[in-house]
mmCIF file of all heavy atoms, coordinates in Angstrom:
data_MODEL
# 
_entry.id   MODEL 
# 
loop_
_atom_site.group_PDB 
_atom_site.id 
_atom_site.type_symbol 
_atom_site.label_atom_id 
_atom_site.label_alt_id 
_atom_site.label_comp_id 
_atom_site.label_asym_id 
_atom_site.label_entity_id 
_atom_site.label_seq_id 
_atom_site.pdbx_PDB_ins_code 
_atom_site.Cartn_x 
_atom_site.Cartn_y 
_atom_site.Cartn_z 
_atom_site.occupancy 
_atom_site.B_iso_or_equiv 
_atom_site.pdbx_formal_charge 
_atom_site.auth_seq_id 
_atom_site.auth_comp_id 
_atom_site.auth_asym_id 
_atom_site.auth_atom_id 
_atom_site.pdbx_PDB_model_num 
ATOM 1   N N   . PRO A 1 1  ? 0.842  -1.211 0.000   1.00 0.00 ? 1  PRO A N   1 
ATOM 2   C CA  . PRO A 1 1  ? 0.000  0.000  0.000   1.00 0.00 ? 1  PRO A CA  1 
ATOM 3   C C   . PRO A 1 1  ? 0.870  1.250  0.000   1.00 0.00 ? 1  PRO A C   1 
ATOM 4   O O   . PRO A 1 1  ? 1.967  1.270  0.547   1.00 0.00 ? 1  PRO A O   1 
ATOM 5   C CB  . PRO A 1 1  ? -0.801 -0.140 1.302   1.00 0.00 ? 1  PRO A CB  1 
ATOM 6   C CG  . PRO A 1 1  ? 0.052  -1.008 2.178   1.00 0.00 ? 1  PRO A CG  1 
ATOM 7   C CD  . PRO A 1 1  ? 0.752  -1.964 1.258   1.00 0.00 ? 1  PRO A CD  1 
ATOM 8   N N   . ALA A 1 2  ? 0.383  2.303  -0.637  1.00 0.00 ? 2  ALA A N   1 
ATOM 9   C CA  . ALA A 1 2  ? 1.145  3.547  -0.736  1.00 0.00 ? 2  ALA A CA  1 
ATOM 10  C C   . ALA A 1 2  ? 0.211  4.731  -0.567  1.00 0.00 ? 2  ALA A C   1 
ATOM 11  O O   . ALA A 1 2  ? -1.011 4.618  -0.728  1.00 0.00 ? 2  ALA A O   1 
ATOM 12  C CB  . ALA A 1 2  ? 1.869  3.621  -2.080  1.00 0.00 ? 2  ALA A CB  1 
ATOM 13  N N   . ASN A 1 3  ? 0.791  5.882  -0.245  1.00 0.00 ? 3  ASN A N   1 
ATOM 14  C CA  . ASN A 1 3  ? 0.028  7.111  -0.072  1.00 0.00 ? 3  ASN A CA  1 
ATOM 15  C C   . ASN A 1 3  ? 0.484  8.117  -1.131  1.00 0.00 ? 3  ASN A C   1 
ATOM 16  O O   . ASN A 1 3  ? 1.645  8.536  -1.141  1.00 0.00 ? 3  ASN A O   1 
ATOM 17  C CB  . ASN A 1 3  ? 0.270  7.682  1.327   1.00 0.00 ? 3  ASN A CB  1 
ATOM 18  C CG  . ASN A 1 3  ? -0.549 8.928  1.589   1.00 0.00 ? 3  ASN A CG  1 
ATOM 19  O OD1 . ASN A 1 3  ? -1.345 9.350  0.745   1.00 0.00 ? 3  ASN A OD1 1 
ATOM 20  N ND2 . ASN A 1 3  ? -0.352 9.533  2.748   1.00 0.00 ? 3  ASN A ND2 1 
ATOM 21  N N   . PHE A 1 4  ? -0.430 8.494  -2.005  1.00 0.00 ? 4  PHE A N   1 
ATOM 22  C CA  . PHE A 1 4  ? -0.084 9.397  -3.103  1.00 0.00 ? 4  PHE A CA  1 
ATOM 23  C C   . PHE A 1 4  ? -0.573 10.826 -2.847  1.00 0.00 ? 4  PHE A C   1 
ATOM 24  O O   . PHE A 1 4  ? -0.453 11.673 -3.723  1.00 0.00 ? 4  PHE A O   1 
ATOM 25  C CB  . PHE A 1 4  ? -0.686 8.875  -4.414  1.00 0.00 ? 4  PHE A CB  1 
ATOM 26  C CG  . PHE A 1 4  ? -0.073 7.578  -4.861  1.00 0.00 ? 4  PHE A CG  1 
ATOM 27  C CD1 . PHE A 1 4  ? -0.651 6.376  -4.514  1.00 0.00 ? 4  PHE A CD1 1 
ATOM 28  C CD2 . PHE A 1 4  ? 1.089  7.561  -5.615  1.00 0.00 ? 4  PHE A CD2 1 
ATOM 29  C CE1 . PHE A 1 4  ? -0.087 5.165  -4.913  1.00 0.00 ? 4  PHE A CE1 1 
ATOM 30  C CE2 . PHE A 1 4  ? 1.664  6.374  -6.009  1.00 0.00 ? 4  PHE A CE2 1 
ATOM 31  C CZ  . PHE A 1 4  ? 1.079  5.159  -5.661  1.00 0.00 ? 4  PHE A CZ  1 
ATOM 32  N N   . SER A 1 5  ? -1.097 11.085 -1.666  1.00 0.00 ? 5  SER A N   1 
ATOM 33  C CA  . SER A 1 5  ? -1.676 12.402 -1.401  1.00 0.00 ? 5  SER A CA  1 
ATOM 34  C C   . SER A 1 5  ? -0.633 13.514 -1.419  1.00 0.00 ? 5  SER A C   1 
ATOM 35  O O   . SER A 1 5  ? -0.963 14.670 -1.675  1.00 0.00 ? 5  SER A O   1 
ATOM 36  C CB  . SER A 1 5  ? -2.408 12.384 -0.053  1.00 0.00 ? 5  SER A CB  1 
ATOM 37  O OG  . SER A 1 5  ? -1.496 12.094 1.004   1.00 0.00 ? 5  SER A OG  1 
ATOM 38  N N   . GLN A 1 6  ? 0.630  13.168 -1.136  1.00 0.00 ? 6  GLN A N   1 
ATOM 39  C CA  . GLN A 1 6  ? 1.674  14.185 -1.097  1.00 0.00 ? 6  GLN A CA  1 
ATOM 40  C C   . GLN A 1 6  ? 2.419  14.326 -2.424  1.00 0.00 ? 6  GLN A C   1 
ATOM 41  O O   . GLN A 1 6  ? 3.307  15.165 -2.552  1.00 0.00 ? 6  GLN A O   1 
ATOM 42  C CB  . GLN A 1 6  ? 2.672  13.847 0.012   1.00 0.00 ? 6  GLN A CB  1 
ATOM 43  C CG  . GLN A 1 6  ? 2.064  13.727 1.393   1.00 0.00 ? 6  GLN A CG  1 
ATOM 44  C CD  . GLN A 1 6  ? 1.317  14.981 1.799   1.00 0.00 ? 6  GLN A CD  1 
ATOM 45  O OE1 . GLN A 1 6  ? 1.831  16.105 1.653   1.00 0.00 ? 6  GLN A OE1 1 
ATOM 46  N NE2 . GLN A 1 6  ? 0.098  14.807 2.305   1.00 0.00 ? 6  GLN A NE2 1 
ATOM 47  N N   . LEU A 1 7  ? 2.078  13.503 -3.395  1.00 0.00 ? 7  LEU A N   1 
ATOM 48  C CA  . LEU A 1 7  ? 2.744  13.548 -4.697  1.00 0.00 ? 7  LEU A CA  1 
ATOM 49  C C   . LEU A 1 7  ? 1.938  14.378 -5.685  1.00 0.00 ? 7  LEU A C   1 
ATOM 50  O O   . LEU A 1 7  ? 0.716  14.497 -5.551  1.00 0.00 ? 7  LEU A O   1 
ATOM 51  C CB  . LEU A 1 7  ? 2.937  12.133 -5.240  1.00 0.00 ? 7  LEU A CB  1 
ATOM 52  C CG  . LEU A 1 7  ? 3.892  11.226 -4.459  1.00 0.00 ? 7  LEU A CG  1 
ATOM 53  C CD1 . LEU A 1 7  ? 3.956  9.849  -5.104  1.00 0.00 ? 7  LEU A CD1 1 
ATOM 54  C CD2 . LEU A 1 7  ? 5.288  11.839 -4.381  1.00 0.00 ? 7  LEU A CD2 1 
ATOM 55  N N   . PRO A 1 8  ? 2.573  14.951 -6.703  1.00 0.00 ? 8  PRO A N   1 
ATOM 56  C CA  . PRO A 1 8  ? 1.841  15.723 -7.713  1.00 0.00 ? 8  PRO A CA  1 
ATOM 57  C C   . PRO A 1 8  ? 0.768  14.873 -8.400  1.00 0.00 ? 8  PRO A C   1 
ATOM 58  O O   . PRO A 1 8  ? 0.957  13.666 -8.609  1.00 0.00 ? 8  PRO A O   1 
ATOM 59  C CB  . PRO A 1 8  ? 2.933  16.139 -8.699  1.00 0.00 ? 8  PRO A CB  1 
ATOM 60  C CG  . PRO A 1 8  ? 4.192  16.097 -7.912  1.00 0.00 ? 8  PRO A CG  1 
ATOM 61  C CD  . PRO A 1 8  ? 4.029  14.978 -6.927  1.00 0.00 ? 8  PRO A CD  1 
ATOM 62  N N   . ASP A 1 9  ? -0.324 15.512 -8.738  1.00 0.00 ? 9  ASP A N   1 
ATOM 63  C CA  . ASP A 1 9  ? -1.426 14.831 -9.426  1.00 0.00 ? 9  ASP A CA  1 
ATOM 64  C C   . ASP A 1 9  ? -1.145 14.879 -10.928 1.00 0.00 ? 9  ASP A C   1 
ATOM 65  O O   . ASP A 1 9  ? -1.276 15.939 -11.557 1.00 0.00 ? 9  ASP A O   1 
ATOM 66  C CB  . ASP A 1 9  ? -2.750 15.527 -9.098  1.00 0.00 ? 9  ASP A CB  1 
ATOM 67  C CG  . ASP A 1 9  ? -3.950 14.793 -9.688  1.00 0.00 ? 9  ASP A CG  1 
ATOM 68  O OD1 . ASP A 1 9  ? -3.745 13.828 -10.468 1.00 0.00 ? 9  ASP A OD1 1 
ATOM 69  O OD2 . ASP A 1 9  ? -5.092 15.188 -9.383  1.00 0.00 ? 9  ASP A OD2 1 
ATOM 70  N N   . LEU A 1 10 ? -0.770 13.752 -11.497 1.00 0.00 ? 10 LEU A N   1 
ATOM 71  C CA  . LEU A 1 10 ? -0.392 13.716 -12.913 1.00 0.00 ? 10 LEU A CA  1 
ATOM 72  C C   . LEU A 1 10 ? -1.584 13.854 -13.849 1.00 0.00 ? 10 LEU A C   1 
ATOM 73  O O   . LEU A 1 10 ? -1.404 13.963 -15.064 1.00 0.00 ? 10 LEU A O   1 
ATOM 74  C CB  . LEU A 1 10 ? 0.359  12.419 -13.225 1.00 0.00 ? 10 LEU A CB  1 
ATOM 75  C CG  . LEU A 1 10 ? 1.643  12.178 -12.426 1.00 0.00 ? 10 LEU A CG  1 
ATOM 76  C CD1 . LEU A 1 10 ? 2.378  10.953 -12.955 1.00 0.00 ? 10 LEU A CD1 1 
ATOM 77  C CD2 . LEU A 1 10 ? 2.549  13.404 -12.457 1.00 0.00 ? 10 LEU A CD2 1 
ATOM 78  N N   . ARG A 1 11 ? -2.789 13.863 -13.313 1.00 0.00 ? 11 ARG A N   1 
ATOM 79  C CA  . ARG A 1 11 ? -3.957 14.121 -14.164 1.00 0.00 ? 11 ARG A CA  1 
ATOM 80  C C   . ARG A 1 11 ? -4.052 15.601 -14.522 1.00 0.00 ? 11 ARG A C   1 
ATOM 81  O O   . ARG A 1 11 ? -4.739 15.977 -15.476 1.00 0.00 ? 11 ARG A O   1 
ATOM 82  C CB  . ARG A 1 11 ? -5.234 13.677 -13.446 1.00 0.00 ? 11 ARG A CB  1 
ATOM 83  C CG  . ARG A 1 11 ? -5.358 12.171 -13.273 1.00 0.00 ? 11 ARG A CG  1 
ATOM 84  C CD  . ARG A 1 11 ? -6.495 11.808 -12.333 1.00 0.00 ? 11 ARG A CD  1 
ATOM 85  N NE  . ARG A 1 11 ? -6.225 12.270 -10.968 1.00 0.00 ? 11 ARG A NE  1 
ATOM 86  C CZ  . ARG A 1 11 ? -7.044 12.095 -9.942  1.00 0.00 ? 11 ARG A CZ  1 
ATOM 87  N NH1 . ARG A 1 11 ? -8.211 11.473 -10.136 1.00 0.00 ? 11 ARG A NH1 1 
ATOM 88  N NH2 . ARG A 1 11 ? -6.736 12.529 -8.737  1.00 0.00 ? 11 ARG A NH2 1 
ATOM 89  N N   . GLN A 1 12 ? -3.359 16.431 -13.754 1.00 0.00 ? 12 GLN A N   1 
ATOM 90  C CA  . GLN A 1 12 ? -3.331 17.865 -14.032 1.00 0.00 ? 12 GLN A CA  1 
ATOM 91  C C   . GLN A 1 12 ? -2.230 18.176 -15.037 1.00 0.00 ? 12 GLN A C   1 
ATOM 92  O O   . GLN A 1 12 ? -1.291 17.410 -15.223 1.00 0.00 ? 12 GLN A O   1 
ATOM 93  C CB  . GLN A 1 12 ? -3.081 18.652 -12.740 1.00 0.00 ? 12 GLN A CB  1 
ATOM 94  C CG  . GLN A 1 12 ? -4.094 18.379 -11.653 1.00 0.00 ? 12 GLN A CG  1 
ATOM 95  C CD  . GLN A 1 12 ? -5.509 18.747 -12.070 1.00 0.00 ? 12 GLN A CD  1 
ATOM 96  O OE1 . GLN A 1 12 ? -5.711 19.783 -12.711 1.00 0.00 ? 12 GLN A OE1 1 
ATOM 97  N NE2 . GLN A 1 12 ? -6.479 17.910 -11.725 1.00 0.00 ? 12 GLN A NE2 1 
ATOM 98  N N   . ARG A 1 13 ? -2.340 19.325 -15.711 1.00 0.00 ? 13 ARG A N   1 
ATOM 99  C CA  . ARG A 1 13 ? -1.329 19.742 -16.671 1.00 0.00 ? 13 ARG A CA  1 
ATOM 100 C C   . ARG A 1 13 ? -0.007 20.036 -15.966 1.00 0.00 ? 13 ARG A C   1 
ATOM 101 O O   . ARG A 1 13 ? 0.011  20.490 -14.823 1.00 0.00 ? 13 ARG A O   1 
ATOM 102 C CB  . ARG A 1 13 ? -1.802 20.981 -17.443 1.00 0.00 ? 13 ARG A CB  1 
ATOM 103 C CG  . ARG A 1 13 ? -2.889 20.653 -18.471 1.00 0.00 ? 13 ARG A CG  1 
ATOM 104 C CD  . ARG A 1 13 ? -2.269 20.020 -19.711 1.00 0.00 ? 13 ARG A CD  1 
ATOM 105 N NE  . ARG A 1 13 ? -3.244 19.354 -20.554 1.00 0.00 ? 13 ARG A NE  1 
ATOM 106 C CZ  . ARG A 1 13 ? -3.996 19.971 -21.461 1.00 0.00 ? 13 ARG A CZ  1 
ATOM 107 N NH1 . ARG A 1 13 ? -3.914 21.270 -21.598 1.00 0.00 ? 13 ARG A NH1 1 
ATOM 108 N NH2 . ARG A 1 13 ? -4.808 19.274 -22.209 1.00 0.00 ? 13 ARG A NH2 1 
ATOM 109 N N   . GLY A 1 14 ? 1.106  19.789 -16.695 1.00 0.00 ? 14 GLY A N   1 
ATOM 110 C CA  . GLY A 1 14 ? 2.426  20.065 -16.163 1.00 0.00 ? 14 GLY A CA  1 
ATOM 111 C C   . GLY A 1 14 ? 2.800  21.528 -16.310 1.00 0.00 ? 14 GLY A C   1 
ATOM 112 O O   . GLY A 1 14 ? 1.963  22.389 -16.610 1.00 0.00 ? 14 GLY A O   1 
ATOM 113 N N   . SER A 1 15 ? 4.082  21.843 -16.117 1.00 0.00 ? 15 SER A N   1 
ATOM 114 C CA  . SER A 1 15 ? 4.535  23.222 -16.040 1.00 0.00 ? 15 SER A CA  1 
ATOM 115 C C   . SER A 1 15 ? 4.945  23.822 -17.384 1.00 0.00 ? 15 SER A C   1 
ATOM 116 O O   . SER A 1 15 ? 5.267  24.998 -17.461 1.00 0.00 ? 15 SER A O   1 
ATOM 117 C CB  . SER A 1 15 ? 5.725  23.314 -15.077 1.00 0.00 ? 15 SER A CB  1 
ATOM 118 O OG  . SER A 1 15 ? 6.812  22.527 -15.554 1.00 0.00 ? 15 SER A OG  1 
ATOM 119 N N   . PHE A 1 16 ? 4.942  23.014 -18.452 1.00 0.00 ? 16 PHE A N   1 
ATOM 120 C CA  . PHE A 1 16 ? 5.362  23.509 -19.754 1.00 0.00 ? 16 PHE A CA  1 
ATOM 121 C C   . PHE A 1 16 ? 4.168  24.002 -20.567 1.00 0.00 ? 16 PHE A C   1 
ATOM 122 O O   . PHE A 1 16 ? 3.062  23.465 -20.475 1.00 0.00 ? 16 PHE A O   1 
ATOM 123 C CB  . PHE A 1 16 ? 6.065  22.407 -20.559 1.00 0.00 ? 16 PHE A CB  1 
ATOM 124 C CG  . PHE A 1 16 ? 7.446  22.076 -20.077 1.00 0.00 ? 16 PHE A CG  1 
ATOM 125 C CD1 . PHE A 1 16 ? 7.626  21.231 -19.000 1.00 0.00 ? 16 PHE A CD1 1 
ATOM 126 C CD2 . PHE A 1 16 ? 8.573  22.614 -20.703 1.00 0.00 ? 16 PHE A CD2 1 
ATOM 127 C CE1 . PHE A 1 16 ? 8.900  20.917 -18.547 1.00 0.00 ? 16 PHE A CE1 1 
ATOM 128 C CE2 . PHE A 1 16 ? 9.843  22.306 -20.262 1.00 0.00 ? 16 PHE A CE2 1 
ATOM 129 C CZ  . PHE A 1 16 ? 10.006 21.455 -19.179 1.00 0.00 ? 16 PHE A CZ  1 
ATOM 130 N N   . THR A 1 17 ? 4.403  25.030 -21.377 1.00 0.00 ? 17 THR A N   1 
ATOM 131 C CA  . THR A 1 17 ? 3.467  25.372 -22.452 1.00 0.00 ? 17 THR A CA  1 
ATOM 132 C C   . THR A 1 17 ? 3.999  24.721 -23.723 1.00 0.00 ? 17 THR A C   1 
ATOM 133 O O   . THR A 1 17 ? 5.015  24.036 -23.703 1.00 0.00 ? 17 THR A O   1 
ATOM 134 C CB  . THR A 1 17 ? 3.363  26.894 -22.629 1.00 0.00 ? 17 THR A CB  1 
ATOM 135 O OG1 . THR A 1 17 ? 4.648  27.410 -22.954 1.00 0.00 ? 17 THR A OG1 1 
ATOM 136 C CG2 . THR A 1 17 ? 2.837  27.555 -21.364 1.00 0.00 ? 17 THR A CG2 1 
ATOM 137 N N   . TRP A 1 18 ? 3.327  24.920 -24.830 1.00 0.00 ? 18 TRP A N   1 
ATOM 138 C CA  . TRP A 1 18 ? 3.775  24.300 -26.067 1.00 0.00 ? 18 TRP A CA  1 
ATOM 139 C C   . TRP A 1 18 ? 3.318  25.110 -27.267 1.00 0.00 ? 18 TRP A C   1 
ATOM 140 O O   . TRP A 1 18 ? 2.420  25.958 -27.177 1.00 0.00 ? 18 TRP A O   1 
ATOM 141 C CB  . TRP A 1 18 ? 3.238  22.873 -26.199 1.00 0.00 ? 18 TRP A CB  1 
ATOM 142 C CG  . TRP A 1 18 ? 1.736  22.828 -26.300 1.00 0.00 ? 18 TRP A CG  1 
ATOM 143 C CD1 . TRP A 1 18 ? 0.961  22.973 -27.416 1.00 0.00 ? 18 TRP A CD1 1 
ATOM 144 C CD2 . TRP A 1 18 ? 0.823  22.672 -25.208 1.00 0.00 ? 18 TRP A CD2 1 
ATOM 145 N NE1 . TRP A 1 18 ? -0.371 22.909 -27.096 1.00 0.00 ? 18 TRP A NE1 1 
ATOM 146 C CE2 . TRP A 1 18 ? -0.484 22.718 -25.759 1.00 0.00 ? 18 TRP A CE2 1 
ATOM 147 C CE3 . TRP A 1 18 ? 0.970  22.490 -23.836 1.00 0.00 ? 18 TRP A CE3 1 
ATOM 148 C CZ2 . TRP A 1 18 ? -1.621 22.577 -24.968 1.00 0.00 ? 18 TRP A CZ2 1 
ATOM 149 C CZ3 . TRP A 1 18 ? -0.163 22.355 -23.058 1.00 0.00 ? 18 TRP A CZ3 1 
ATOM 150 C CH2 . TRP A 1 18 ? -1.432 22.398 -23.627 1.00 0.00 ? 18 TRP A CH2 1 
ATOM 151 N N   . THR A 1 19 ? 3.950  24.861 -28.377 1.00 0.00 ? 19 THR A N   1 
ATOM 152 C CA  . THR A 1 19 ? 3.533  25.402 -29.662 1.00 0.00 ? 19 THR A CA  1 
ATOM 153 C C   . THR A 1 19 ? 3.312  24.241 -30.608 1.00 0.00 ? 19 THR A C   1 
ATOM 154 O O   . THR A 1 19 ? 4.113  23.303 -30.654 1.00 0.00 ? 19 THR A O   1 
ATOM 155 C CB  . THR A 1 19 ? 4.603  26.345 -30.241 1.00 0.00 ? 19 THR A CB  1 
ATOM 156 O OG1 . THR A 1 19 ? 4.710  27.495 -29.407 1.00 0.00 ? 19 THR A OG1 1 
ATOM 157 C CG2 . THR A 1 19 ? 4.218  26.805 -31.645 1.00 0.00 ? 19 THR A CG2 1 
ATOM 158 N N   . LYS A 1 20 ? 2.227  24.286 -31.340 1.00 0.00 ? 20 LYS A N   1 
ATOM 159 C CA  . LYS A 1 20 ? 1.910  23.210 -32.285 1.00 0.00 ? 20 LYS A CA  1 
ATOM 160 C C   . LYS A 1 20 ? 2.179  23.686 -33.708 1.00 0.00 ? 20 LYS A C   1 
ATOM 161 O O   . LYS A 1 20 ? 1.793  24.793 -34.085 1.00 0.00 ? 20 LYS A O   1 
ATOM 162 C CB  . LYS A 1 20 ? 0.452  22.776 -32.160 1.00 0.00 ? 20 LYS A CB  1 
ATOM 163 C CG  . LYS A 1 20 ? 0.122  21.555 -33.020 1.00 0.00 ? 20 LYS A CG  1 
ATOM 164 C CD  . LYS A 1 20 ? -1.344 21.172 -32.911 1.00 0.00 ? 20 LYS A CD  1 
ATOM 165 C CE  . LYS A 1 20 ? -2.201 22.027 -33.818 1.00 0.00 ? 20 LYS A CE  1 
ATOM 166 N NZ  . LYS A 1 20 ? -3.598 21.538 -33.911 1.00 0.00 ? 20 LYS A NZ  1 
ATOM 167 N N   . ARG A 1 21 ? 2.836  22.865 -34.488 1.00 0.00 ? 21 ARG A N   1 
ATOM 168 C CA  . ARG A 1 21 ? 3.014  23.136 -35.912 1.00 0.00 ? 21 ARG A CA  1 
ATOM 169 C C   . ARG A 1 21 ? 2.645  21.869 -36.678 1.00 0.00 ? 21 ARG A C   1 
ATOM 170 O O   . ARG A 1 21 ? 2.640  20.767 -36.124 1.00 0.00 ? 21 ARG A O   1 
ATOM 171 C CB  . ARG A 1 21 ? 4.440  23.566 -36.221 1.00 0.00 ? 21 ARG A CB  1 
ATOM 172 C CG  . ARG A 1 21 ? 5.489  22.497 -35.933 1.00 0.00 ? 21 ARG A CG  1 
ATOM 173 C CD  . ARG A 1 21 ? 6.872  22.978 -36.298 1.00 0.00 ? 21 ARG A CD  1 
ATOM 174 N NE  . ARG A 1 21 ? 7.207  24.168 -35.536 1.00 0.00 ? 21 ARG A NE  1 
ATOM 175 C CZ  . ARG A 1 21 ? 8.180  25.003 -35.873 1.00 0.00 ? 21 ARG A CZ  1 
ATOM 176 N NH1 . ARG A 1 21 ? 8.908  24.773 -36.939 1.00 0.00 ? 21 ARG A NH1 1 
ATOM 177 N NH2 . ARG A 1 21 ? 8.444  26.057 -35.143 1.00 0.00 ? 21 ARG A NH2 1 
ATOM 178 N N   . THR A 1 22 ? 2.340  22.018 -37.947 1.00 0.00 ? 22 THR A N   1 
ATOM 179 C CA  . THR A 1 22 ? 1.997  20.878 -38.789 1.00 0.00 ? 22 THR A CA  1 
ATOM 180 C C   . THR A 1 22 ? 3.088  20.669 -39.828 1.00 0.00 ? 22 THR A C   1 
ATOM 181 O O   . THR A 1 22 ? 3.461  21.600 -40.552 1.00 0.00 ? 22 THR A O   1 
ATOM 182 C CB  . THR A 1 22 ? 0.638  21.095 -39.484 1.00 0.00 ? 22 THR A CB  1 
ATOM 183 O OG1 . THR A 1 22 ? -0.381 21.193 -38.482 1.00 0.00 ? 22 THR A OG1 1 
ATOM 184 C CG2 . THR A 1 22 ? 0.302  19.927 -40.398 1.00 0.00 ? 22 THR A CG2 1 
ATOM 185 N N   . LEU A 1 23 ? 3.619  19.472 -39.879 1.00 0.00 ? 23 LEU A N   1 
ATOM 186 C CA  . LEU A 1 23 ? 4.648  19.105 -40.843 1.00 0.00 ? 23 LEU A CA  1 
ATOM 187 C C   . LEU A 1 23 ? 3.996  18.429 -42.039 1.00 0.00 ? 23 LEU A C   1 
ATOM 188 O O   . LEU A 1 23 ? 3.156  17.551 -41.879 1.00 0.00 ? 23 LEU A O   1 
ATOM 189 C CB  . LEU A 1 23 ? 5.656  18.140 -40.208 1.00 0.00 ? 23 LEU A CB  1 
ATOM 190 C CG  . LEU A 1 23 ? 6.293  18.563 -38.890 1.00 0.00 ? 23 LEU A CG  1 
ATOM 191 C CD1 . LEU A 1 23 ? 7.195  17.442 -38.371 1.00 0.00 ? 23 LEU A CD1 1 
ATOM 192 C CD2 . LEU A 1 23 ? 7.083  19.841 -39.056 1.00 0.00 ? 23 LEU A CD2 1 
ATOM 193 N N   . GLU A 1 24 ? 4.391  18.851 -43.224 1.00 0.00 ? 24 GLU A N   1 
ATOM 194 C CA  . GLU A 1 24 ? 3.927  18.217 -44.455 1.00 0.00 ? 24 GLU A CA  1 
ATOM 195 C C   . GLU A 1 24 ? 5.068  17.361 -45.003 1.00 0.00 ? 24 GLU A C   1 
ATOM 196 O O   . GLU A 1 24 ? 6.125  17.882 -45.366 1.00 0.00 ? 24 GLU A O   1 
ATOM 197 C CB  . GLU A 1 24 ? 3.492  19.265 -45.471 1.00 0.00 ? 24 GLU A CB  1 
ATOM 198 C CG  . GLU A 1 24 ? 2.325  20.111 -44.978 1.00 0.00 ? 24 GLU A CG  1 
ATOM 199 C CD  . GLU A 1 24 ? 1.915  21.178 -45.972 1.00 0.00 ? 24 GLU A CD  1 
ATOM 200 O OE1 . GLU A 1 24 ? 2.634  21.350 -46.986 1.00 0.00 ? 24 GLU A OE1 1 
ATOM 201 O OE2 . GLU A 1 24 ? 0.895  21.840 -45.739 1.00 0.00 ? 24 GLU A OE2 1 
ATOM 202 N N   . LEU A 1 25 ? 4.869  16.056 -45.045 1.00 0.00 ? 25 LEU A N   1 
ATOM 203 C CA  . LEU A 1 25 ? 5.948  15.111 -45.315 1.00 0.00 ? 25 LEU A CA  1 
ATOM 204 C C   . LEU A 1 25 ? 5.708  14.337 -46.606 1.00 0.00 ? 25 LEU A C   1 
ATOM 205 O O   . LEU A 1 25 ? 4.563  14.067 -46.981 1.00 0.00 ? 25 LEU A O   1 
ATOM 206 C CB  . LEU A 1 25 ? 6.072  14.120 -44.154 1.00 0.00 ? 25 LEU A CB  1 
ATOM 207 C CG  . LEU A 1 25 ? 6.144  14.742 -42.760 1.00 0.00 ? 25 LEU A CG  1 
ATOM 208 C CD1 . LEU A 1 25 ? 6.053  13.673 -41.699 1.00 0.00 ? 25 LEU A CD1 1 
ATOM 209 C CD2 . LEU A 1 25 ? 7.413  15.538 -42.606 1.00 0.00 ? 25 LEU A CD2 1 
ATOM 210 N N   . TYR A 1 26 ? 6.804  13.991 -47.256 1.00 0.00 ? 26 TYR A N   1 
ATOM 211 C CA  . TYR A 1 26 ? 6.714  13.155 -48.448 1.00 0.00 ? 26 TYR A CA  1 
ATOM 212 C C   . TYR A 1 26 ? 7.914  12.218 -48.490 1.00 0.00 ? 26 TYR A C   1 
ATOM 213 O O   . TYR A 1 26 ? 9.068  12.661 -48.587 1.00 0.00 ? 26 TYR A O   1 
ATOM 214 C CB  . TYR A 1 26 ? 6.655  13.993 -49.720 1.00 0.00 ? 26 TYR A CB  1 
ATOM 215 C CG  . TYR A 1 26 ? 6.667  13.159 -50.983 1.00 0.00 ? 26 TYR A CG  1 
ATOM 216 C CD1 . TYR A 1 26 ? 5.656  12.237 -51.220 1.00 0.00 ? 26 TYR A CD1 1 
ATOM 217 C CD2 . TYR A 1 26 ? 7.709  13.272 -51.903 1.00 0.00 ? 26 TYR A CD2 1 
ATOM 218 C CE1 . TYR A 1 26 ? 5.668  11.460 -52.360 1.00 0.00 ? 26 TYR A CE1 1 
ATOM 219 C CE2 . TYR A 1 26 ? 7.719  12.482 -53.050 1.00 0.00 ? 26 TYR A CE2 1 
ATOM 220 C CZ  . TYR A 1 26 ? 6.698  11.581 -53.274 1.00 0.00 ? 26 TYR A CZ  1 
ATOM 221 O OH  . TYR A 1 26 ? 6.720  10.800 -54.402 1.00 0.00 ? 26 TYR A OH  1 
ATOM 222 N N   . ASP A 1 27 ? 7.646  10.936 -48.372 1.00 0.00 ? 27 ASP A N   1 
ATOM 223 C CA  . ASP A 1 27 ? 8.693  9.926  -48.418 1.00 0.00 ? 27 ASP A CA  1 
ATOM 224 C C   . ASP A 1 27 ? 8.784  9.401  -49.846 1.00 0.00 ? 27 ASP A C   1 
ATOM 225 O O   . ASP A 1 27 ? 7.929  8.630  -50.294 1.00 0.00 ? 27 ASP A O   1 
ATOM 226 C CB  . ASP A 1 27 ? 8.365  8.797  -47.443 1.00 0.00 ? 27 ASP A CB  1 
ATOM 227 C CG  . ASP A 1 27 ? 9.472  7.760  -47.358 1.00 0.00 ? 27 ASP A CG  1 
ATOM 228 O OD1 . ASP A 1 27 ? 10.405 7.825  -48.182 1.00 0.00 ? 27 ASP A OD1 1 
ATOM 229 O OD2 . ASP A 1 27 ? 9.407  6.890  -46.475 1.00 0.00 ? 27 ASP A OD2 1 
ATOM 230 N N   . ARG A 1 28 ? 9.805  9.823  -50.565 1.00 0.00 ? 28 ARG A N   1 
ATOM 231 C CA  . ARG A 1 28 ? 9.944  9.433  -51.973 1.00 0.00 ? 28 ARG A CA  1 
ATOM 232 C C   . ARG A 1 28 ? 10.146 7.935  -52.132 1.00 0.00 ? 28 ARG A C   1 
ATOM 233 O O   . ARG A 1 28 ? 9.720  7.346  -53.130 1.00 0.00 ? 28 ARG A O   1 
ATOM 234 C CB  . ARG A 1 28 ? 11.119 10.178 -52.602 1.00 0.00 ? 28 ARG A CB  1 
ATOM 235 C CG  . ARG A 1 28 ? 10.860 11.655 -52.831 1.00 0.00 ? 28 ARG A CG  1 
ATOM 236 C CD  . ARG A 1 28 ? 12.106 12.344 -53.331 1.00 0.00 ? 28 ARG A CD  1 
ATOM 237 N NE  . ARG A 1 28 ? 11.856 13.738 -53.649 1.00 0.00 ? 28 ARG A NE  1 
ATOM 238 C CZ  . ARG A 1 28 ? 12.816 14.631 -53.817 1.00 0.00 ? 28 ARG A CZ  1 
ATOM 239 N NH1 . ARG A 1 28 ? 14.081 14.268 -53.674 1.00 0.00 ? 28 ARG A NH1 1 
ATOM 240 N NH2 . ARG A 1 28 ? 12.521 15.875 -54.105 1.00 0.00 ? 28 ARG A NH2 1 
ATOM 241 N N   . SER A 1 29 ? 10.832 7.320  -51.174 1.00 0.00 ? 29 SER A N   1 
ATOM 242 C CA  . SER A 1 29 ? 11.109 5.889  -51.307 1.00 0.00 ? 29 SER A CA  1 
ATOM 243 C C   . SER A 1 29 ? 9.829  5.066  -51.338 1.00 0.00 ? 29 SER A C   1 
ATOM 244 O O   . SER A 1 29 ? 9.812  3.962  -51.889 1.00 0.00 ? 29 SER A O   1 
ATOM 245 C CB  . SER A 1 29 ? 12.002 5.417  -50.164 1.00 0.00 ? 29 SER A CB  1 
ATOM 246 O OG  . SER A 1 29 ? 11.314 5.474  -48.924 1.00 0.00 ? 29 SER A OG  1 
# 
């Protein structure tokens, strides 16, 4: 048995923000 009440709740968002970009790819092979 363990107690997780003192540990961070990983269901919540972390400390980083992010930027999303879209890559357009073409594999010639």
